[in-house]
Amino acid sequence: MTVTRRLISPRRWTPAPDDPGRSPVTDRFSIARRLASGGHGPEDVIFDRQGRVLAGLGDGSVIRLDLASGARTVLGNTGGRPLGLQLSGDGSVLVCDHDRGLLRMWADGSVDVLVDTVAGAPLTFASNVVESQDGTIWFTVSTRRWDLEHHLGDIVEHSCTGMLVRRDPDNTVTVLCDSLKFANGLVLAPDESCLLVAETAGYRVSRYWLTGPKADTVEPFAENLAGTPDNMSLGSDGLVWVAIAAPRNALLDKLLPLPGFLRILLWNLPEAVRPKPTPVAWVMAFDLSGRLVHNLRTDEVDYGFVTSVAEHRGTVVAGSLHEDDIVVLTPTSANR
């Protein structure tokens, strides 16, 4: 099921001024290899325990690629549109499926639906997922008003209807936050003390505390980013790798604090002349304190709108909602 609304109901927000010089580029986004996914739109990429890459494609398939041989295996098909992936402790793969909700895919390709309703409403646009040692699952819902095809409508509208949701081992489902700015990537800290949540439309990554004196509160992790954060992953290097899908749009930043009818006019322009994301290939990496370690960017490669990045033993791979291939970044860029 998808939710498509052509009309927007703009909410005002005043973003902090963009200061690209605040986060200097540490190196170029350089492609060492391209790996054919066998389909289109590897929106999220993750590594399995053997260092192979998993991704979900637009045709519903979840694939595995062996980086050494290039061998491609189809693990199964969700029957929807798989987005965020996470290996589960039992060997299955947790899948956030845009159309069907939170799923579990088993080794034989069969699929179980874990969550398809939240707070009495059908679950659509489940985005990313993590799991704790005891089987607790957290996942994000990007927006309750828009579907994947028209997700830019949510960015223009600034609906703030993204959610962070918990599924307990007894199948209880609880909404922890319901006003996130296009909730997207999700990382669980190694000590399980907190979650890191990418808020694409807020240009930030937020920290949701799970334990300690700040439990159940949210605080900034990385704010006022120069681009829109998408999927995230925790690397074997201990860094939080963040895909930056596009730079901030200067026109949208100017319109967000102004009366909403201006964004309504913008949204009602023919699609061909609406502002579009600037083509760029871009990923960042932060340590767990929020300090920027890597900022890899270029607009000179034939690859763009990077929606996912993952690191495993010095190898960094990236995927894109709009591309066919998964790319391997050069080792020098990843480890300088």
Protein backbone atom coordinates (compact mmCIF):
# COMPACT_ATOMS: atom_id res chain seq x y z
CA MET A 1 0.00 0.00 0.00
CA THR A 2 1.18 3.55 -0.76
CA VAL A 3 -0.10 6.91 0.40
CA THR A 4 -0.03 9.60 -2.28
CA ARG A 5 -1.30 13.12 -1.66
CA ARG A 6 -0.72 15.69 -4.35
CA LEU A 7 -1.60 18.70 -2.16
CA ILE A 8 0.80 20.01 0.44
CA SER A 9 0.06 21.60 3.83
CA PRO A 10 3.24 23.57 4.53
CA ARG A 11 4.64 23.99 8.03
CA ARG A 12 6.99 26.86 8.76
CA TRP A 13 10.51 26.20 9.96
CA THR A 14 13.59 28.38 10.12
CA PRO A 15 16.71 26.34 9.39
CA ALA A 16 20.06 27.56 10.61
CA PRO A 17 22.06 29.26 7.84
CA ASP A 18 24.03 26.83 5.71
CA ASP A 19 27.77 27.16 6.22
CA PRO A 20 29.51 24.66 3.90
CA GLY A 21 32.91 25.85 5.15
CA ARG A 22 32.06 24.58 8.62
CA SER A 23 32.63 20.98 7.48
CA PRO A 24 35.50 20.99 4.98
CA VAL A 25 35.73 18.14 2.50
CA THR A 26 38.43 15.75 3.72
CA ASP A 27 38.77 13.88 0.43
CA ARG A 28 37.09 13.17 -2.87
CA PHE A 29 34.36 10.59 -3.30
CA SER A 30 36.30 8.30 -5.66
CA ILE A 31 34.94 5.11 -7.17
CA ALA A 32 37.28 2.12 -7.28
CA ARG A 33 34.77 -0.41 -8.64
CA ARG A 34 31.19 -0.66 -9.82
CA LEU A 35 29.15 -3.75 -9.01
CA ALA A 36 26.04 -4.47 -11.06
CA SER A 37 23.08 -5.02 -8.79
CA GLY A 38 21.11 -6.76 -11.52
CA GLY A 39 18.28 -4.29 -11.08
CA HIS A 40 17.60 -0.68 -10.16
CA GLY A 41 17.79 1.38 -7.01
CA PRO A 42 19.95 -0.34 -4.35
CA GLU A 43 18.58 2.12 -1.78
CA ASP A 44 20.31 0.63 1.27
CA VAL A 45 23.53 -1.38 1.42
CA ILE A 46 24.81 -3.42 4.37
CA PHE A 47 27.58 -5.96 4.94
CA ASP A 48 26.93 -9.46 6.23
CA ARG A 49 29.32 -11.26 8.59
CA GLN A 50 31.31 -12.65 5.65
CA GLY A 51 31.88 -9.21 4.15
CA ARG A 52 29.34 -9.64 1.37
CA VAL A 53 27.00 -6.79 0.45
CA LEU A 54 23.20 -6.96 0.73
CA ALA A 55 20.79 -4.55 -0.93
CA GLY A 56 17.11 -4.24 -1.80
CA LEU A 57 16.02 -3.32 -5.33
CA GLY A 58 13.07 -1.66 -6.97
CA ASP A 59 11.60 -4.95 -8.20
CA GLY A 60 11.26 -6.21 -4.60
CA SER A 61 14.28 -8.48 -4.60
CA VAL A 62 16.89 -8.59 -1.85
CA ILE A 63 20.29 -9.49 -3.27
CA ARG A 64 23.73 -10.44 -1.99
CA LEU A 65 26.96 -9.56 -3.82
CA ASP A 66 30.34 -11.16 -3.24
CA LEU A 67 32.90 -8.37 -3.61
CA ALA A 68 35.74 -10.75 -4.47
CA SER A 69 34.03 -12.67 -7.24
CA GLY A 70 31.17 -10.37 -8.19
CA ALA A 71 28.77 -13.29 -7.77
CA ARG A 72 25.16 -12.19 -7.28
CA THR A 73 22.57 -14.15 -5.31
CA VAL A 74 18.89 -13.31 -4.96
CA LEU A 75 17.91 -14.03 -1.36
CA GLY A 76 14.20 -13.50 -1.94
CA ASN A 77 11.53 -11.02 -2.93
CA THR A 78 9.39 -9.01 -0.52
CA GLY A 79 6.58 -8.39 -2.97
CA GLY A 80 6.96 -4.67 -2.26
CA ARG A 81 9.77 -2.14 -2.23
CA PRO A 82 12.58 -3.02 0.22
CA LEU A 83 14.43 -0.08 1.72
CA GLY A 84 16.47 -0.42 4.95
CA LEU A 85 18.03 -3.79 5.81
CA GLN A 86 19.50 -5.26 8.99
CA LEU A 87 20.97 -8.68 9.78
CA SER A 88 19.14 -10.34 12.64
CA GLY A 89 20.76 -12.43 15.35
CA ASP A 90 18.93 -15.53 14.10
CA GLY A 91 20.47 -15.27 10.62
CA SER A 92 17.43 -13.76 8.93
CA VAL A 93 17.33 -10.30 7.35
CA LEU A 94 15.07 -7.59 8.73
CA VAL A 95 13.59 -5.50 5.92
CA CYS A 96 11.83 -2.16 6.01
CA ASP A 97 9.51 -2.44 3.05
CA HIS A 98 7.87 0.75 1.82
CA ASP A 99 4.68 -1.07 0.80
CA ARG A 100 4.36 -3.93 3.30
CA GLY A 101 5.89 -2.72 6.57
CA LEU A 102 8.55 -4.36 8.73
CA LEU A 103 9.43 -7.83 7.41
CA ARG A 104 11.71 -10.75 8.23
CA MET A 105 13.27 -12.62 5.30
CA TRP A 106 14.52 -16.13 6.04
CA ALA A 107 17.36 -18.01 4.37
CA ASP A 108 14.91 -19.87 2.10
CA GLY A 109 13.50 -16.57 0.81
CA SER A 110 10.23 -16.79 2.72
CA VAL A 111 8.97 -13.58 4.31
CA ASP A 112 7.13 -12.94 7.58
CA VAL A 113 5.33 -9.67 8.27
CA LEU A 114 6.38 -8.41 11.70
CA VAL A 115 4.58 -5.04 11.74
CA ASP A 116 2.08 -3.73 9.22
CA THR A 117 0.10 -1.31 11.39
CA VAL A 118 1.26 1.37 13.83
CA ALA A 119 -1.08 3.25 16.16
CA GLY A 120 -4.06 1.79 14.31
CA ALA A 121 -2.96 2.93 10.85
CA PRO A 122 -1.37 0.94 8.02
CA LEU A 123 2.42 1.09 8.15
CA THR A 124 3.84 2.67 5.00
CA PHE A 125 7.28 4.07 4.24
CA ALA A 126 9.15 2.07 6.86
CA SER A 127 12.68 3.27 6.24
CA ASN A 128 15.47 1.76 8.37
CA VAL A 129 15.85 -0.80 11.15
CA VAL A 130 18.20 -2.02 13.90
CA GLU A 131 18.01 -4.84 16.42
CA SER A 132 19.42 -5.29 19.94
CA GLN A 133 20.95 -8.42 21.45
CA ASP A 134 17.67 -9.31 23.19
CA GLY A 135 15.65 -9.09 19.96
CA THR A 136 14.16 -5.63 20.47
CA ILE A 137 13.73 -3.95 17.10
CA TRP A 138 13.61 -0.24 16.36
CA PHE A 139 12.65 1.18 13.00
CA THR A 140 11.93 4.53 11.39
CA VAL A 141 8.95 5.67 9.35
CA SER A 142 9.93 8.54 7.07
CA THR A 143 6.52 10.18 6.69
CA ARG A 144 2.88 9.40 7.31
CA ARG A 145 1.68 11.61 4.44
CA TRP A 146 3.73 10.78 1.36
CA ASP A 147 4.98 7.79 -0.58
CA LEU A 148 8.43 7.07 -1.99
CA GLU A 149 7.64 8.27 -5.49
CA HIS A 150 6.50 11.65 -4.19
CA HIS A 151 8.80 11.92 -1.16
CA LEU A 152 10.00 15.38 -2.21
CA GLY A 153 6.48 16.56 -1.37
CA ASP A 154 7.24 15.85 2.27
CA ILE A 155 10.51 17.77 2.08
CA VAL A 156 8.75 20.80 0.57
CA GLU A 157 5.81 20.53 2.95
CA HIS A 158 8.04 19.87 5.99
CA SER A 159 5.30 17.69 7.47
CA CYS A 160 7.32 16.50 10.51
CA THR A 161 5.35 13.24 10.58
CA GLY A 162 8.29 10.85 10.72
CA MET A 163 8.33 8.24 13.49
CA LEU A 164 10.72 6.18 15.59
CA VAL A 165 9.04 2.92 16.58
CA ARG A 166 10.00 0.03 18.87
CA ARG A 167 8.90 -3.59 18.51
CA ASP A 168 9.52 -5.60 21.67
CA PRO A 169 10.28 -9.35 21.64
CA ASP A 170 6.67 -9.97 22.80
CA ASN A 171 5.47 -8.20 19.59
CA THR A 172 4.33 -5.04 21.41
CA VAL A 173 4.72 -2.01 19.12
CA THR A 174 5.34 1.42 20.66
CA VAL A 175 5.78 4.80 18.97
CA LEU A 176 8.71 6.58 20.67
CA CYS A 177 8.72 9.76 18.54
CA ASP A 178 6.08 10.87 16.05
CA SER A 179 7.18 14.32 14.89
CA LEU A 180 10.54 13.67 13.22
CA LYS A 181 11.61 15.59 10.13
CA PHE A 182 11.55 12.77 7.56
CA ALA A 183 13.04 10.01 9.75
CA ASN A 184 15.53 7.94 7.81
CA GLY A 185 18.79 6.17 8.72
CA LEU A 186 19.12 4.45 12.09
CA VAL A 187 22.13 3.25 14.10
CA LEU A 188 22.22 1.46 17.46
CA ALA A 189 25.26 2.33 19.58
CA PRO A 190 27.54 -0.67 20.30
CA ASP A 191 26.69 -0.51 24.02
CA GLU A 192 22.98 -0.12 23.16
CA SER A 193 22.81 3.08 25.18
CA CYS A 194 21.27 5.17 22.39
CA LEU A 195 19.94 5.31 18.86
CA LEU A 196 21.10 7.73 16.19
CA VAL A 197 18.35 8.86 13.82
CA ALA A 198 18.85 10.76 10.56
CA GLU A 199 16.24 13.48 10.02
CA THR A 200 16.59 14.19 6.33
CA ALA A 201 14.39 17.29 6.23
CA GLY A 202 15.98 18.65 9.42
CA TYR A 203 19.55 18.47 8.06
CA ARG A 204 20.58 16.65 11.22
CA VAL A 205 21.25 13.41 13.04
CA SER A 206 19.60 13.15 16.46
CA ARG A 207 20.47 10.96 19.45
CA TYR A 208 17.65 9.13 21.24
CA TRP A 209 18.83 7.87 24.64
CA LEU A 210 17.75 4.37 25.64
CA THR A 211 19.50 4.10 29.01
CA GLY A 212 20.92 6.31 31.75
CA PRO A 213 19.64 9.58 33.20
CA LYS A 214 18.65 10.88 29.76
CA ALA A 215 16.64 7.78 28.79
CA ASP A 216 13.71 8.53 26.46
CA THR A 217 15.01 11.99 25.58
CA VAL A 218 16.38 13.34 22.29
CA GLU A 219 19.40 15.56 21.81
CA PRO A 220 21.49 16.72 18.82
CA PHE A 221 24.26 14.46 17.50
CA ALA A 222 25.20 16.32 14.28
CA GLU A 223 23.27 19.48 13.42
CA ASN A 224 23.01 21.98 10.58
CA LEU A 225 24.52 19.65 8.01
CA ALA A 226 25.21 21.09 4.58
CA GLY A 227 23.22 18.26 2.98
CA THR A 228 20.33 15.88 3.57
CA PRO A 229 21.32 12.78 5.59
CA ASP A 230 19.81 9.50 4.42
CA ASN A 231 20.68 5.94 5.49
CA MET A 232 23.39 5.37 8.09
CA SER A 233 25.43 2.41 9.31
CA LEU A 234 27.92 1.59 12.05
CA GLY A 235 31.23 0.52 10.53
CA SER A 236 33.71 -2.02 11.83
CA ASP A 237 35.93 1.05 12.32
CA GLY A 238 33.53 2.26 15.03
CA LEU A 239 32.39 5.22 12.93
CA VAL A 240 28.86 6.19 12.03
CA TRP A 241 28.76 6.38 8.23
CA VAL A 242 26.11 8.72 6.82
CA ALA A 243 24.96 8.95 3.21
CA ILE A 244 24.23 12.53 2.12
CA ALA A 245 21.70 12.31 -0.69
CA ALA A 246 21.93 15.93 -1.84
CA PRO A 247 23.05 19.39 -0.78
CA ARG A 248 20.53 21.66 0.87
CA ASN A 249 18.41 23.60 -1.61
CA ALA A 250 18.96 27.35 -1.15
CA LEU A 251 15.51 28.27 -2.50
CA LEU A 252 13.74 25.86 -0.18
CA ASP A 253 15.74 27.13 2.81
CA LYS A 254 14.54 30.66 1.99
CA LEU A 255 10.91 29.57 1.63
CA LEU A 256 10.64 27.37 4.73
CA PRO A 257 10.21 30.28 7.21
CA LEU A 258 7.83 32.21 4.92
CA PRO A 259 4.06 31.88 4.46
CA GLY A 260 3.17 28.45 3.15
CA PHE A 261 1.42 29.59 -0.01
CA LEU A 262 4.84 30.23 -1.55
CA ARG A 263 5.73 26.55 -1.23
CA ILE A 264 2.30 25.62 -2.54
CA LEU A 265 3.07 27.68 -5.64
CA LEU A 266 6.45 25.99 -5.92
CA TRP A 267 4.94 22.51 -5.59
CA ASN A 268 2.28 23.28 -8.21
CA LEU A 269 4.86 24.15 -10.84
CA PRO A 270 5.23 21.53 -13.57
CA GLU A 271 7.54 18.79 -12.34
CA ALA A 272 10.02 19.54 -15.11
CA VAL A 273 10.70 23.03 -13.73
CA ARG A 274 10.54 22.36 -9.98
CA PRO A 275 13.88 22.61 -8.14
CA LYS A 276 15.65 19.25 -8.18
CA PRO A 277 18.36 17.78 -5.97
CA THR A 278 21.83 18.82 -7.12
CA PRO A 279 23.75 15.84 -8.54
CA VAL A 280 26.51 14.97 -6.09
CA ALA A 281 28.20 11.90 -4.61
CA TRP A 282 28.65 12.44 -0.88
CA VAL A 283 29.16 10.51 2.35
CA MET A 284 30.28 11.50 5.85
CA ALA A 285 31.53 9.58 8.87
CA PHE A 286 31.36 10.63 12.52
CA ASP A 287 32.72 9.17 15.71
CA LEU A 288 30.24 8.34 18.46
CA SER A 289 30.73 11.75 20.07
CA GLY A 290 29.50 13.46 16.89
CA ARG A 291 32.92 14.61 15.65
CA LEU A 292 33.22 14.64 11.86
CA VAL A 293 36.01 12.28 10.71
CA HIS A 294 35.41 11.87 6.96
CA ASN A 295 33.62 14.15 4.50
CA LEU A 296 33.95 12.57 1.04
CA ARG A 297 32.28 14.51 -1.76
CA THR A 298 32.45 15.19 -5.49
CA ASP A 299 30.16 16.27 -8.32
CA GLU A 300 32.52 14.91 -10.97
CA VAL A 301 31.63 11.20 -10.98
CA ASP A 302 28.80 9.59 -12.91
CA TYR A 303 27.01 8.54 -9.75
CA GLY A 304 24.66 10.54 -7.55
CA PHE A 305 21.93 10.77 -4.95
CA VAL A 306 23.81 8.45 -2.59
CA THR A 307 21.26 7.04 -0.16
CA SER A 308 23.40 4.49 1.72
CA VAL A 309 26.96 3.76 2.77
CA ALA A 310 28.58 0.96 4.77
CA GLU A 311 32.11 0.12 5.91
CA HIS A 312 33.64 -3.30 6.68
CA ARG A 313 37.34 -3.81 7.46
CA GLY A 314 38.41 -0.79 5.45
CA THR A 315 36.12 -1.39 2.48
CA VAL A 316 33.44 1.24 1.95
CA VAL A 317 30.48 0.71 -0.38
CA ALA A 318 27.64 3.02 -1.34
CA GLY A 319 24.22 2.63 -2.95
CA SER A 320 21.67 4.94 -4.52
CA LEU A 321 17.92 5.02 -5.01
CA HIS A 322 18.47 6.37 -8.53
CA GLU A 323 21.34 4.20 -9.77
CA ASP A 324 21.73 0.58 -10.90
CA ASP A 325 25.16 -0.15 -9.48
CA ILE A 326 26.66 -0.43 -6.03
CA VAL A 327 30.03 1.31 -5.85
CA VAL A 328 33.19 0.58 -3.88
CA LEU A 329 35.11 3.65 -2.76
CA THR A 330 38.87 3.89 -3.01
CA PRO A 331 40.68 2.72 0.16
CA THR A 332 42.62 6.00 0.42
CA SER A 333 39.40 8.00 0.63
CA ALA A 334 37.96 5.73 3.30
CA ASN A 335 40.95 5.53 5.59
CA ARG A 336 42.97 8.72 5.27
